[in-house]
Structure formats: C-alpha cells, structure tokens
Amino acid sequence: MRRINLRQRPFVHQEIVMSKTVGIIGLGIMGSAISRNLVERGWRVIGFDIDAARTAELAQADVTIAGDIREVVREAPIVMTSLPTPAAVIDVARAIAGSGQPPRIVVELSTLTIADKLRFEAILSEAGHIALDCPLSGTGAQAKMRDLVVYASGDSNAIARCADLFADFAKQSADLGAFGNGSKMKFVANHLVAIHNVATAEAMVLAERAGLDPKMVVDLVGPGAGGSRMFQMRAPMMVERVYEPATMKVSTWKKDMAIIAEFAEGVGCATPMFTSTQAVYTDAMAMGLGDQDTAAVFEVLKKTIVTEPKSGSRK
C-alpha cells in the first residue's frame, strides 16, 4: 500500500500534472461539499446533477453547471462521481462511455457492492477510460471541513495524477492497490461506524438515566479512552435531539449496511456486533426517521432500552 500524506504532497512528474479542472457528477451532501472546497482552492469545477435546486445553489458558489454529462466529460480530464444508487452509477458510466471523448480518469466515490463497482469499471474501460474505485471515509459534515480519507484503488499512475485533487478536499489518501480494495476498506470502516454510532446512543441514554449532565458527558468522555470519532460527532446531536440537516441519512445508511452484510457473508466472516445494530437502524426507519441523521438512533434506544430502576438503587 502506498500511503499519501496530504499535508506533504509527493513529487509528481511534470508530464502527469493535471490541469486544475475537474468534473463532479452528483451534487448531493458529499458532492456539494467537495465542490465548494475545490472551488475555494482554485479549481474550476464542472458540476452536474438532476436536482435543479442543488445546481442553482452551487452555481452561486462558482461551480460551473453543465447541461449534461457529455459536457462534463468534454471539459474535464478527471471526473468524479458521487451518486445515491447503483442504477444511477451505471447510467452515468454508460453516458460517459458514450460521450465520444478522449480517455478520462473517472473517480467513483460512492459506496456500492464490489460487483457494481466492477460493472462500472468494465463499461468505462471498454470505452478507453480509466475507472478508479475511491470511496470516502467521513460524513457530510466532515466533507465540509476537508476531514475525509480517500480509499483509492485501481491504476496507480491514475491515482498519482489525482494526488493534488485529493489533497484539496481530503486530509489523507492511500493507494490500496487493485481496483475494489478501496471499497473493501470502506466496508471495514463503516462496519465500525455502525457499531460506534449505536454504542454512542446507548451510552448517552445510560448517562441520562444516571442523572449526569449530558453536555459534560460529551466534553469529558469524547477525549477519553471511551471516546470515538462517532461519539465526538454524534453525541452533541443526541444531546440537542436535533438530527437535521443530516450528515448521513438513516435511509442511505441502511443501504450501506446491507452492502457490508453481503460483503462479510461473501468472505466468510460473521459480524455479531455489526449485525446486532441492524435492528436499531430498522426501527429508526419504522419510526419515520429515514431522512434524519443516523444520530437519531438515540430516539430508538430511548424507547427500547429504558427500564424501571432496580428497587433500592440510586440514580
């Protein structure tokens, strides 16, 4: 594995230095945050999304809005895709492949099954383009602060050409080798995120039942041995019980969890802790929290794990 510290960018040969023009297809929570950060750092961003409200908002942030995918591919030597469903990703791959443009590097940022990623790669490679599997570790809130990690995999020369691009919207990147390894790393990371998020909610319900000041719990537990990145990000939301705007919607997260479960089964690894959290997210959906941030699992646990105190015990 070749690790890239984005605070100390590696030397890149003059012949492979790319122009500071990039296309972004999919301007949702992640795509919009990445677009804004790149514009702030001097990039010409050519964006496309089917949502007119999103494109209008980003046009105000100096993102050049393309009329269609063909225009994005014509203008940008590097194109990044951040899309919500496998069908959307495959449709975009076909549109890029049919654009008639010279070879492009197409950086796929979404969380998909390995099979869907390989299908994406096959469509593009047949048309002469280079596909990279580069899912991101981090939430929408982290994306705004450039607090992301890029799990890059695929053609190493193409990844090297993207080093400066990654550096301007993420804090770290790594070349993980063969195409698909980026997704595998993301599955491992998100396995932990699922667990840490529910564990945070359980701990905050426990603290509340114990009569502790929840804000002090956030301040003191977060930096300690029991803290986690998810605790630091999601516990404050649980204290305020405000879960919008979502940095990761419960509905989207349920899709990602299904992908991880399928992957774990495919490689022959039981995941009892991860599996135990799935019911909590399912209950969140049933409670109508699908469009809220995954921190909303706190509401689920408040309804399902609170019991009458044991007789004689003290809060």
C-alpha atoms as a PDB file:
ATOM      1  CA  MET A   1       0.000   0.000   0.000  1.00  0.00           C
ATOM      2  CA  ARG A   2       1.311   3.446  -0.924  1.00  0.00           C
ATOM      3  CA  ARG A   3       0.139   5.988   1.599  1.00  0.00           C
ATOM      4  CA  ILE A   4      -0.060   9.661   0.727  1.00  0.00           C
ATOM      5  CA  ASN A   5       0.151  12.299   3.441  1.00  0.00           C
ATOM      6  CA  LEU A   6      -1.872  15.144   2.016  1.00  0.00           C
ATOM      7  CA  ARG A   7      -0.127  17.681   4.156  1.00  0.00           C
ATOM      8  CA  GLN A   8       3.143  16.757   2.437  1.00  0.00           C
ATOM      9  CA  ARG A   9       2.265  16.129  -1.176  1.00  0.00           C
ATOM     10  CA  PRO A  10       4.506  13.757  -3.106  1.00  0.00           C
ATOM     11  CA  PHE A  11       6.531  14.980  -6.066  1.00  0.00           C
ATOM     12  CA  VAL A  12       4.592  14.380  -9.269  1.00  0.00           C
ATOM     13  CA  HIS A  13       6.425  14.318 -12.588  1.00  0.00           C
ATOM     14  CA  GLN A  14       5.651  17.321 -14.765  1.00  0.00           C
ATOM     15  CA  GLU A  15       4.269  15.113 -17.538  1.00  0.00           C
ATOM     16  CA  ILE A  16       1.431  13.829 -15.372  1.00  0.00           C
ATOM     17  CA  VAL A  17       0.475  17.057 -13.581  1.00  0.00           C
ATOM     18  CA  MET A  18      -3.193  17.553 -14.357  1.00  0.00           C
ATOM     19  CA  SER A  19      -4.951  20.848 -15.038  1.00  0.00           C
ATOM     20  CA  LYS A  20      -7.000  22.265 -12.195  1.00  0.00           C
ATOM     21  CA  THR A  21     -10.290  21.421 -13.873  1.00  0.00           C
ATOM     22  CA  VAL A  22     -12.433  18.608 -12.536  1.00  0.00           C
ATOM     23  CA  GLY A  23     -15.922  17.345 -13.225  1.00  0.00           C
ATOM     24  CA  ILE A  24     -18.279  16.237 -10.456  1.00  0.00           C
ATOM     25  CA  ILE A  25     -21.411  14.267 -11.291  1.00  0.00           C
ATOM     26  CA  GLY A  26     -23.741  14.090  -8.298  1.00  0.00           C
ATOM     27  CA  LEU A  27     -24.015  17.215  -6.138  1.00  0.00           C
ATOM     28  CA  GLY A  28     -25.639  15.787  -3.036  1.00  0.00           C
ATOM     29  CA  ILE A  29     -24.310  16.053   0.517  1.00  0.00           C
ATOM     30  CA  MET A  30     -20.794  14.873  -0.354  1.00  0.00           C
ATOM     31  CA  GLY A  31     -20.543  16.173  -3.903  1.00  0.00           C
ATOM     32  CA  SER A  32     -21.634  19.682  -2.983  1.00  0.00           C
ATOM     33  CA  ALA A  33     -19.206  19.922  -0.050  1.00  0.00           C
ATOM     34  CA  ILE A  34     -16.328  18.648  -2.174  1.00  0.00           C
ATOM     35  CA  SER A  35     -17.228  21.075  -4.967  1.00  0.00           C
ATOM     36  CA  ARG A  36     -17.167  24.073  -2.643  1.00  0.00           C
ATOM     37  CA  ASN A  37     -13.817  23.093  -1.152  1.00  0.00           C
ATOM     38  CA  LEU A  38     -12.252  22.646  -4.575  1.00  0.00           C
ATOM     39  CA  VAL A  39     -13.540  25.990  -5.838  1.00  0.00           C
ATOM     40  CA  GLU A  40     -12.083  27.659  -2.728  1.00  0.00           C
ATOM     41  CA  ARG A  41      -8.722  26.135  -3.601  1.00  0.00           C
ATOM     42  CA  GLY A  42      -8.626  27.406  -7.128  1.00  0.00           C
ATOM     43  CA  TRP A  43     -10.225  24.564  -9.069  1.00  0.00           C
ATOM     44  CA  ARG A  44     -12.596  25.025 -11.960  1.00  0.00           C
ATOM     45  CA  VAL A  45     -15.388  22.606 -11.044  1.00  0.00           C
ATOM     46  CA  ILE A  46     -17.801  21.463 -13.748  1.00  0.00           C
ATOM     47  CA  GLY A  47     -20.826  20.059 -11.931  1.00  0.00           C
ATOM     48  CA  PHE A  48     -23.916  18.143 -12.981  1.00  0.00           C
ATOM     49  CA  ASP A  49     -26.963  16.937 -11.063  1.00  0.00           C
ATOM     50  CA  ILE A  50     -30.566  16.239 -11.997  1.00  0.00           C
ATOM     51  CA  ASP A  51     -31.738  18.283  -8.987  1.00  0.00           C
ATOM     52  CA  ALA A  52     -32.263  21.873 -10.187  1.00  0.00           C
ATOM     53  CA  ALA A  53     -32.246  23.294  -6.647  1.00  0.00           C
ATOM     54  CA  ARG A  54     -28.819  21.810  -5.950  1.00  0.00           C
ATOM     55  CA  THR A  55     -27.339  23.109  -9.181  1.00  0.00           C
ATOM     56  CA  ALA A  56     -28.784  26.578  -8.618  1.00  0.00           C
ATOM     57  CA  GLU A  57     -27.258  26.712  -5.134  1.00  0.00           C
ATOM     58  CA  LEU A  58     -23.839  25.585  -6.321  1.00  0.00           C
ATOM     59  CA  ALA A  59     -23.876  27.959  -9.269  1.00  0.00           C
ATOM     60  CA  GLN A  60     -23.937  30.721  -6.643  1.00  0.00           C
ATOM     61  CA  ALA A  61     -20.774  29.144  -5.191  1.00  0.00           C
ATOM     62  CA  ASP A  62     -18.943  29.491  -8.551  1.00  0.00           C
ATOM     63  CA  VAL A  63     -19.400  25.890  -9.648  1.00  0.00           C
ATOM     64  CA  THR A  64     -19.857  25.778 -13.423  1.00  0.00           C
ATOM     65  CA  ILE A  65     -23.075  23.862 -14.035  1.00  0.00           C
ATOM     66  CA  ALA A  66     -23.079  21.612 -17.100  1.00  0.00           C
ATOM     67  CA  GLY A  67     -26.167  20.957 -19.153  1.00  0.00           C
ATOM     68  CA  ASP A  68     -25.476  17.240 -19.362  1.00  0.00           C
ATOM     69  CA  ILE A  69     -22.893  14.550 -18.622  1.00  0.00           C
ATOM     70  CA  ARG A  70     -21.354  14.844 -22.085  1.00  0.00           C
ATOM     71  CA  GLU A  71     -20.429  18.464 -21.335  1.00  0.00           C
ATOM     72  CA  VAL A  72     -18.760  17.464 -18.061  1.00  0.00           C
ATOM     73  CA  VAL A  73     -16.640  14.828 -19.814  1.00  0.00           C
ATOM     74  CA  ARG A  74     -15.747  17.192 -22.641  1.00  0.00           C
ATOM     75  CA  GLU A  75     -14.464  19.891 -20.266  1.00  0.00           C
ATOM     76  CA  ALA A  76     -12.740  17.871 -17.525  1.00  0.00           C
ATOM     77  CA  PRO A  77      -9.797  15.423 -17.755  1.00  0.00           C
ATOM     78  CA  ILE A  78     -10.800  13.987 -14.364  1.00  0.00           C
ATOM     79  CA  VAL A  79     -14.421  13.243 -13.497  1.00  0.00           C
ATOM     80  CA  MET A  80     -15.651  12.256 -10.044  1.00  0.00           C
ATOM     81  CA  THR A  81     -18.998  10.562  -9.425  1.00  0.00           C
ATOM     82  CA  SER A  82     -20.880  10.674  -6.113  1.00  0.00           C
ATOM     83  CA  LEU A  83     -24.265   9.055  -6.635  1.00  0.00           C
ATOM     84  CA  PRO A  84     -27.023   7.539  -4.463  1.00  0.00           C
ATOM     85  CA  THR A  85     -27.852   4.251  -6.203  1.00  0.00           C
ATOM     86  CA  PRO A  86     -26.191   1.542  -8.302  1.00  0.00           C
ATOM     87  CA  ALA A  87     -28.608   2.285 -11.145  1.00  0.00           C
ATOM     88  CA  ALA A  88     -27.551   5.927 -11.208  1.00  0.00           C
ATOM     89  CA  VAL A  89     -23.877   4.955 -11.202  1.00  0.00           C
ATOM     90  CA  ILE A  90     -24.299   2.542 -14.112  1.00  0.00           C
ATOM     91  CA  ASP A  91     -26.360   5.074 -16.079  1.00  0.00           C
ATOM     92  CA  VAL A  92     -23.611   7.664 -15.627  1.00  0.00           C
ATOM     93  CA  ALA A  93     -20.928   5.152 -16.647  1.00  0.00           C
ATOM     94  CA  ARG A  94     -22.819   4.461 -19.858  1.00  0.00           C
ATOM     95  CA  ALA A  95     -23.231   8.177 -20.531  1.00  0.00           C
ATOM     96  CA  ILE A  96     -19.502   8.777 -20.071  1.00  0.00           C
ATOM     97  CA  ALA A  97     -18.638   5.767 -22.216  1.00  0.00           C
ATOM     98  CA  GLY A  98     -20.928   7.042 -24.957  1.00  0.00           C
ATOM     99  CA  SER A  99     -19.689  10.631 -24.819  1.00  0.00           C
ATOM    100  CA  GLY A 100     -17.152  10.132 -27.586  1.00  0.00           C
ATOM    101  CA  GLN A 101     -14.496  11.993 -25.588  1.00  0.00           C
ATOM    102  CA  PRO A 102     -10.798  11.054 -25.248  1.00  0.00           C
ATOM    103  CA  PRO A 103      -9.769   8.832 -22.311  1.00  0.00           C
ATOM    104  CA  ARG A 104     -10.681  10.294 -18.942  1.00  0.00           C
ATOM    105  CA  ILE A 105      -9.929   9.279 -15.374  1.00  0.00           C
ATOM    106  CA  VAL A 106     -13.263   8.592 -13.679  1.00  0.00           C
ATOM    107  CA  VAL A 107     -13.098   8.536  -9.879  1.00  0.00           C
ATOM    108  CA  GLU A 108     -16.053   6.698  -8.323  1.00  0.00           C
ATOM    109  CA  LEU A 109     -16.664   7.915  -4.748  1.00  0.00           C
ATOM    110  CA  SER A 110     -19.921   6.142  -3.873  1.00  0.00           C
ATOM    111  CA  THR A 111     -20.483   3.169  -1.585  1.00  0.00           C
ATOM    112  CA  LEU A 112     -21.533   0.229  -3.775  1.00  0.00           C
ATOM    113  CA  THR A 113     -21.126  -3.520  -3.899  1.00  0.00           C
ATOM    114  CA  ILE A 114     -17.918  -4.826  -5.444  1.00  0.00           C
ATOM    115  CA  ALA A 115     -19.995  -6.285  -8.281  1.00  0.00           C
ATOM    116  CA  ASP A 116     -21.469  -2.856  -9.094  1.00  0.00           C
ATOM    117  CA  LYS A 117     -18.030  -1.233  -8.980  1.00  0.00           C
ATOM    118  CA  LEU A 118     -16.623  -3.871 -11.354  1.00  0.00           C
ATOM    119  CA  ARG A 119     -19.535  -3.332 -13.724  1.00  0.00           C
ATOM    120  CA  PHE A 120     -18.810   0.417 -13.644  1.00  0.00           C
ATOM    121  CA  GLU A 121     -15.147  -0.262 -14.441  1.00  0.00           C
ATOM    122  CA  ALA A 122     -15.971  -2.651 -17.289  1.00  0.00           C
ATOM    123  CA  ILE A 123     -18.276  -0.156 -19.025  1.00  0.00           C
ATOM    124  CA  LEU A 124     -15.678   2.606 -18.859  1.00  0.00           C
ATOM    125  CA  SER A 125     -12.609   0.551 -19.718  1.00  0.00           C
ATOM    126  CA  GLU A 126     -14.310  -0.796 -22.826  1.00  0.00           C
ATOM    127  CA  ALA A 127     -14.647   2.820 -23.990  1.00  0.00           C
ATOM    128  CA  GLY A 128     -10.983   3.575 -23.190  1.00  0.00           C
ATOM    129  CA  HIS A 129     -11.469   5.405 -19.895  1.00  0.00           C
ATOM    130  CA  ILE A 130      -9.713   4.633 -16.588  1.00  0.00           C
ATOM    131  CA  ALA A 131     -12.027   3.938 -13.656  1.00  0.00           C
ATOM    132  CA  LEU A 132     -10.842   4.274 -10.057  1.00  0.00           C
ATOM    133  CA  ASP A 133     -12.640   2.889  -7.011  1.00  0.00           C
ATOM    134  CA  CYS A 134     -12.237   5.633  -4.397  1.00  0.00           C
ATOM    135  CA  PRO A 135     -14.903   5.608  -1.658  1.00  0.00           C
ATOM    136  CA  LEU A 136     -14.590   8.186   1.101  1.00  0.00           C
ATOM    137  CA  SER A 137     -14.364   7.801   4.853  1.00  0.00           C
ATOM    138  CA  GLY A 138     -16.269  10.608   6.510  1.00  0.00           C
ATOM    139  CA  THR A 139     -19.671  12.242   6.811  1.00  0.00           C
ATOM    140  CA  GLY A 140     -21.108  15.244   5.029  1.00  0.00           C
ATOM    141  CA  ALA A 141     -20.116  17.423   7.973  1.00  0.00           C
ATOM    142  CA  GLN A 142     -16.553  16.139   7.724  1.00  0.00           C
ATOM    143  CA  ALA A 143     -16.585  16.755   3.986  1.00  0.00           C
ATOM    144  CA  LYS A 144     -17.289  20.446   4.616  1.00  0.00           C
ATOM    145  CA  MET A 145     -14.154  20.630   6.766  1.00  0.00           C
ATOM    146  CA  ARG A 146     -11.970  18.583   4.349  1.00  0.00           C
ATOM    147  CA  ASP A 147     -11.863  15.924   7.073  1.00  0.00           C
ATOM    148  CA  LEU A 148     -12.104  12.964   4.678  1.00  0.00           C
ATOM    149  CA  VAL A 149      -9.928   9.986   3.800  1.00  0.00           C
ATOM    150  CA  VAL A 150      -9.842   8.756   0.198  1.00  0.00           C
ATOM    151  CA  TYR A 151      -9.561   4.975  -0.146  1.00  0.00           C
ATOM    152  CA  ALA A 152      -8.148   4.892  -3.673  1.00  0.00           C
ATOM    153  CA  SER A 153      -7.742   1.710  -5.701  1.00  0.00           C
ATOM    154  CA  GLY A 154      -7.083   0.885  -9.324  1.00  0.00           C
ATOM    155  CA  ASP A 155      -4.470   2.138 -11.780  1.00  0.00           C
ATOM    156  CA  SER A 156      -1.568   3.532  -9.704  1.00  0.00           C
ATOM    157  CA  ASN A 157      -0.499   6.081 -12.328  1.00  0.00           C
ATOM    158  CA  ALA A 158      -4.025   7.470 -12.466  1.00  0.00           C
ATOM    159  CA  ILE A 159      -4.155   7.641  -8.651  1.00  0.00           C
ATOM    160  CA  ALA A 160      -0.857   9.560  -8.668  1.00  0.00           C
ATOM    161  CA  ARG A 161      -2.348  12.035 -11.135  1.00  0.00           C
ATOM    162  CA  CYS A 162      -5.186  12.645  -8.675  1.00  0.00           C
ATOM    163  CA  ALA A 163      -2.951  13.336  -5.658  1.00  0.00           C
ATOM    164  CA  ASP A 164      -3.301  17.121  -5.801  1.00  0.00           C
ATOM    165  CA  LEU A 165      -7.031  16.816  -6.377  1.00  0.00           C
ATOM    166  CA  PHE A 166      -7.485  14.571  -3.347  1.00  0.00           C
ATOM    167  CA  ALA A 167      -5.312  16.905  -1.275  1.00  0.00           C
ATOM    168  CA  ASP A 168      -7.690  19.790  -1.849  1.00  0.00           C
ATOM    169  CA  PHE A 169     -10.803  18.099  -0.475  1.00  0.00           C
ATOM    170  CA  ALA A 170      -9.452  15.434   1.932  1.00  0.00           C
ATOM    171  CA  LYS A 171      -6.900  15.171   4.713  1.00  0.00           C
ATOM    172  CA  GLN A 172      -5.409  11.839   3.642  1.00  0.00           C
ATOM    173  CA  SER A 173      -5.327   9.381   0.782  1.00  0.00           C
ATOM    174  CA  ALA A 174      -3.901   5.940   0.157  1.00  0.00           C
ATOM    175  CA  ASP A 175      -3.282   3.815  -2.929  1.00  0.00           C
ATOM    176  CA  LEU A 176      -4.682   0.456  -1.846  1.00  0.00           C
ATOM    177  CA  GLY A 177      -3.737  -1.465  -4.966  1.00  0.00           C
ATOM    178  CA  ALA A 178      -6.138  -3.476  -7.096  1.00  0.00           C
ATOM    179  CA  PHE A 179      -9.462  -1.966  -8.141  1.00  0.00           C
ATOM    180  CA  GLY A 180     -12.054  -2.807  -5.481  1.00  0.00           C
ATOM    181  CA  ASN A 181      -9.712  -2.669  -2.490  1.00  0.00           C
ATOM    182  CA  GLY A 182     -10.926   0.859  -1.789  1.00  0.00           C
ATOM    183  CA  SER A 183     -14.460  -0.427  -1.314  1.00  0.00           C
ATOM    184  CA  LYS A 184     -13.262  -3.270   0.895  1.00  0.00           C
ATOM    185  CA  MET A 185     -11.503  -0.772   3.155  1.00  0.00           C
ATOM    186  CA  LYS A 186     -14.659   1.370   3.256  1.00  0.00           C
ATOM    187  CA  PHE A 187     -16.725  -1.651   4.309  1.00  0.00           C
ATOM    188  CA  VAL A 188     -14.391  -2.276   7.247  1.00  0.00           C
ATOM    189  CA  ALA A 189     -14.545   1.388   8.261  1.00  0.00           C
ATOM    190  CA  ASN A 190     -18.331   1.570   8.014  1.00  0.00           C
ATOM    191  CA  HIS A 191     -18.680  -1.667   9.973  1.00  0.00           C
ATOM    192  CA  LEU A 192     -17.106   0.213  12.873  1.00  0.00           C
ATOM    193  CA  VAL A 193     -19.119   3.388  12.267  1.00  0.00           C
ATOM    194  CA  ALA A 194     -22.378   1.430  12.572  1.00  0.00           C
ATOM    195  CA  ILE A 195     -21.301  -0.020  15.905  1.00  0.00           C
ATOM    196  CA  HIS A 196     -19.803   3.186  17.337  1.00  0.00           C
ATOM    197  CA  ASN A 197     -22.904   5.210  16.470  1.00  0.00           C
ATOM    198  CA  VAL A 198     -25.287   2.848  18.276  1.00  0.00           C
ATOM    199  CA  ALA A 199     -22.827   2.467  21.172  1.00  0.00           C
ATOM    200  CA  THR A 200     -22.768   6.252  21.489  1.00  0.00           C
ATOM    201  CA  ALA A 201     -26.561   6.385  21.669  1.00  0.00           C
ATOM    202  CA  GLU A 202     -26.636   3.642  24.291  1.00  0.00           C
ATOM    203  CA  ALA A 203     -24.004   5.436  26.382  1.00  0.00           C
ATOM    204  CA  MET A 204     -25.877   8.734  26.179  1.00  0.00           C
ATOM    205  CA  VAL A 205     -29.142   7.094  27.303  1.00  0.00           C
ATOM    206  CA  LEU A 206     -27.230   5.489  30.198  1.00  0.00           C
ATOM    207  CA  ALA A 207     -25.725   8.847  31.152  1.00  0.00           C
ATOM    208  CA  GLU A 208     -29.152  10.487  31.053  1.00  0.00           C
ATOM    209  CA  ARG A 209     -30.661   7.762  33.251  1.00  0.00           C
ATOM    210  CA  ALA A 210     -27.767   8.184  35.671  1.00  0.00           C
ATOM    211  CA  GLY A 211     -28.604  11.860  36.085  1.00  0.00           C
ATOM    212  CA  LEU A 212     -25.386  13.162  34.547  1.00  0.00           C
ATOM    213  CA  ASP A 213     -25.187  16.471  32.710  1.00  0.00           C
ATOM    214  CA  PRO A 214     -25.202  15.288  29.081  1.00  0.00           C
ATOM    215  CA  LYS A 215     -23.071  18.184  27.873  1.00  0.00           C
ATOM    216  CA  MET A 216     -20.413  17.314  30.444  1.00  0.00           C
ATOM    217  CA  VAL A 217     -20.553  13.700  29.252  1.00  0.00           C
ATOM    218  CA  VAL A 218     -19.785  14.901  25.731  1.00  0.00           C
ATOM    219  CA  ASP A 219     -16.935  17.112  26.931  1.00  0.00           C
ATOM    220  CA  LEU A 220     -15.300  14.520  29.171  1.00  0.00           C
ATOM    221  CA  VAL A 221     -15.967  11.159  27.526  1.00  0.00           C
ATOM    222  CA  GLY A 222     -15.172  12.243  23.972  1.00  0.00           C
ATOM    223  CA  PRO A 223     -11.445  12.931  24.535  1.00  0.00           C
ATOM    224  CA  GLY A 224     -11.021   9.950  26.871  1.00  0.00           C
ATOM    225  CA  ALA A 225     -10.359   6.262  26.344  1.00  0.00           C
ATOM    226  CA  GLY A 226     -14.053   5.569  25.772  1.00  0.00           C
ATOM    227  CA  GLY A 227     -14.456   8.199  23.103  1.00  0.00           C
ATOM    228  CA  SER A 228     -14.585   7.670  19.341  1.00  0.00           C
ATOM    229  CA  ARG A 229     -14.873   9.883  16.298  1.00  0.00           C
ATOM    230  CA  MET A 230     -18.538   8.968  16.057  1.00  0.00           C
ATOM    231  CA  PHE A 231     -19.058   9.862  19.725  1.00  0.00           C
ATOM    232  CA  GLN A 232     -17.456  13.256  19.143  1.00  0.00           C
ATOM    233  CA  MET A 233     -19.629  13.935  16.106  1.00  0.00           C
ATOM    234  CA  ARG A 234     -22.940  12.374  17.051  1.00  0.00           C
ATOM    235  CA  ALA A 235     -23.233  12.707  20.847  1.00  0.00           C
ATOM    236  CA  PRO A 236     -23.721  16.512  20.649  1.00  0.00           C
ATOM    237  CA  MET A 237     -26.606  15.929  18.209  1.00  0.00           C
ATOM    238  CA  MET A 238     -28.120  13.462  20.640  1.00  0.00           C
ATOM    239  CA  VAL A 239     -27.869  15.981  23.467  1.00  0.00           C
ATOM    240  CA  GLU A 240     -29.743  18.576  21.417  1.00  0.00           C
ATOM    241  CA  ARG A 241     -32.033  15.924  19.850  1.00  0.00           C
ATOM    242  CA  VAL A 242     -31.684  17.720  16.524  1.00  0.00           C
ATOM    243  CA  TYR A 243     -30.898  15.448  13.591  1.00  0.00           C
ATOM    244  CA  GLU A 244     -31.217  17.775  10.634  1.00  0.00           C
ATOM    245  CA  PRO A 245     -29.603  18.665   8.379  1.00  0.00           C
ATOM    246  CA  ALA A 246     -28.415  15.080   8.106  1.00  0.00           C
ATOM    247  CA  THR A 247     -24.728  14.384   7.560  1.00  0.00           C
ATOM    248  CA  MET A 248     -25.722  10.776   6.778  1.00  0.00           C
ATOM    249  CA  LYS A 249     -29.388   9.866   6.403  1.00  0.00           C
ATOM    250  CA  VAL A 250     -30.676   6.729   8.113  1.00  0.00           C
ATOM    251  CA  SER A 251     -32.193   5.565   4.811  1.00  0.00           C
ATOM    252  CA  THR A 252     -28.863   5.864   2.990  1.00  0.00           C
ATOM    253  CA  TRP A 253     -27.065   4.182   5.855  1.00  0.00           C
ATOM    254  CA  LYS A 254     -29.423   1.206   5.721  1.00  0.00           C
ATOM    255  CA  LYS A 255     -28.400   0.718   2.088  1.00  0.00           C
ATOM    256  CA  ASP A 256     -24.723   0.824   3.042  1.00  0.00           C
ATOM    257  CA  MET A 257     -25.249  -1.654   5.882  1.00  0.00           C
ATOM    258  CA  ALA A 258     -26.874  -4.142   3.532  1.00  0.00           C
ATOM    259  CA  ILE A 259     -23.801  -3.917   1.287  1.00  0.00           C
ATOM    260  CA  ILE A 260     -21.461  -4.541   4.224  1.00  0.00           C
ATOM    261  CA  ALA A 261     -23.505  -7.514   5.433  1.00  0.00           C
ATOM    262  CA  GLU A 262     -23.416  -9.057   1.953  1.00  0.00           C
ATOM    263  CA  PHE A 263     -19.657  -8.484   1.714  1.00  0.00           C
ATOM    264  CA  ALA A 264     -18.954 -10.041   5.126  1.00  0.00           C
ATOM    265  CA  GLU A 265     -21.026 -13.096   4.262  1.00  0.00           C
ATOM    266  CA  GLY A 266     -19.216 -13.384   0.933  1.00  0.00           C
ATOM    267  CA  VAL A 267     -15.780 -13.506   2.559  1.00  0.00           C
ATOM    268  CA  GLY A 268     -16.960 -15.879   5.292  1.00  0.00           C
ATOM    269  CA  CYS A 269     -16.875 -13.638   8.351  1.00  0.00           C
ATOM    270  CA  ALA A 270     -19.659 -13.463  10.924  1.00  0.00           C
ATOM    271  CA  THR A 271     -20.164  -9.967  12.355  1.00  0.00           C
ATOM    272  CA  PRO A 272     -22.213 -10.372  15.543  1.00  0.00           C
ATOM    273  CA  MET A 273     -21.737  -6.826  16.847  1.00  0.00           C
ATOM    274  CA  PHE A 274     -22.454  -5.225  13.483  1.00  0.00           C
ATOM    275  CA  THR A 275     -25.462  -7.484  12.988  1.00  0.00           C
ATOM    276  CA  SER A 276     -26.893  -6.518  16.366  1.00  0.00           C
ATOM    277  CA  THR A 277     -27.012  -2.860  15.332  1.00  0.00           C
ATOM    278  CA  GLN A 278     -29.082  -3.509  12.207  1.00  0.00           C
ATOM    279  CA  ALA A 279     -32.349  -3.807  14.134  1.00  0.00           C
ATOM    280  CA  VAL A 280     -31.772  -0.370  15.668  1.00  0.00           C
ATOM    281  CA  TYR A 281     -31.488   1.291  12.255  1.00  0.00           C
ATOM    282  CA  THR A 282     -34.507  -0.698  11.033  1.00  0.00           C
ATOM    283  CA  ASP A 283     -36.508   0.612  13.981  1.00  0.00           C
ATOM    284  CA  ALA A 284     -35.382   4.150  13.148  1.00  0.00           C
ATOM    285  CA  MET A 285     -36.834   3.722   9.664  1.00  0.00           C
ATOM    286  CA  ALA A 286     -40.087   2.389  11.139  1.00  0.00           C
ATOM    287  CA  MET A 287     -40.288   5.469  13.367  1.00  0.00           C
ATOM    288  CA  GLY A 288     -40.171   7.725  10.310  1.00  0.00           C
ATOM    289  CA  LEU A 289     -36.587   8.854  10.872  1.00  0.00           C
ATOM    290  CA  GLY A 290     -35.281   7.788   7.455  1.00  0.00           C
ATOM    291  CA  ASP A 291     -34.410  11.331   6.337  1.00  0.00           C
ATOM    292  CA  GLN A 292     -32.772  12.235   9.640  1.00  0.00           C
ATOM    293  CA  ASP A 293     -29.150  11.854  10.637  1.00  0.00           C
ATOM    294  CA  THR A 294     -28.091   8.451  11.927  1.00  0.00           C
ATOM    295  CA  ALA A 295     -27.634  10.083  15.350  1.00  0.00           C
ATOM    296  CA  ALA A 296     -31.423   9.667  15.542  1.00  0.00           C
ATOM    297  CA  VAL A 297     -30.867   6.093  16.752  1.00  0.00           C
ATOM    298  CA  PHE A 298     -30.770   7.813  20.147  1.00  0.00           C
ATOM    299  CA  GLU A 299     -34.559   8.199  19.829  1.00  0.00           C
ATOM    300  CA  VAL A 300     -34.913   4.484  19.145  1.00  0.00           C
ATOM    301  CA  LEU A 301     -32.924   3.467  22.212  1.00  0.00           C
ATOM    302  CA  LYS A 302     -34.762   5.908  24.462  1.00  0.00           C
ATOM    303  CA  LYS A 303     -37.910   3.971  23.616  1.00  0.00           C
ATOM    304  CA  THR A 304     -36.475   0.455  23.722  1.00  0.00           C
ATOM    305  CA  ILE A 305     -33.764   0.123  26.388  1.00  0.00           C
ATOM    306  CA  VAL A 306     -35.078   2.225  29.286  1.00  0.00           C
ATOM    307  CA  THR A 307     -36.389   0.090  32.169  1.00  0.00           C
ATOM    308  CA  GLU A 308     -37.610   0.726  35.698  1.00  0.00           C
ATOM    309  CA  PRO A 309     -34.660   1.194  38.077  1.00  0.00           C
ATOM    310  CA  LYS A 310     -33.921  -1.723  40.369  1.00  0.00           C
ATOM    311  CA  SER A 311     -35.599  -1.280  43.723  1.00  0.00           C
ATOM    312  CA  GLY A 312     -33.329   0.498  46.177  1.00  0.00           C
ATOM    313  CA  SER A 313     -30.841   1.667  43.569  1.00  0.00           C
ATOM    314  CA  ARG A 314     -29.798   5.290  43.329  1.00  0.00           C
ATOM    315  CA  LYS A 315     -29.505   7.447  40.233  1.00  0.00           C
END
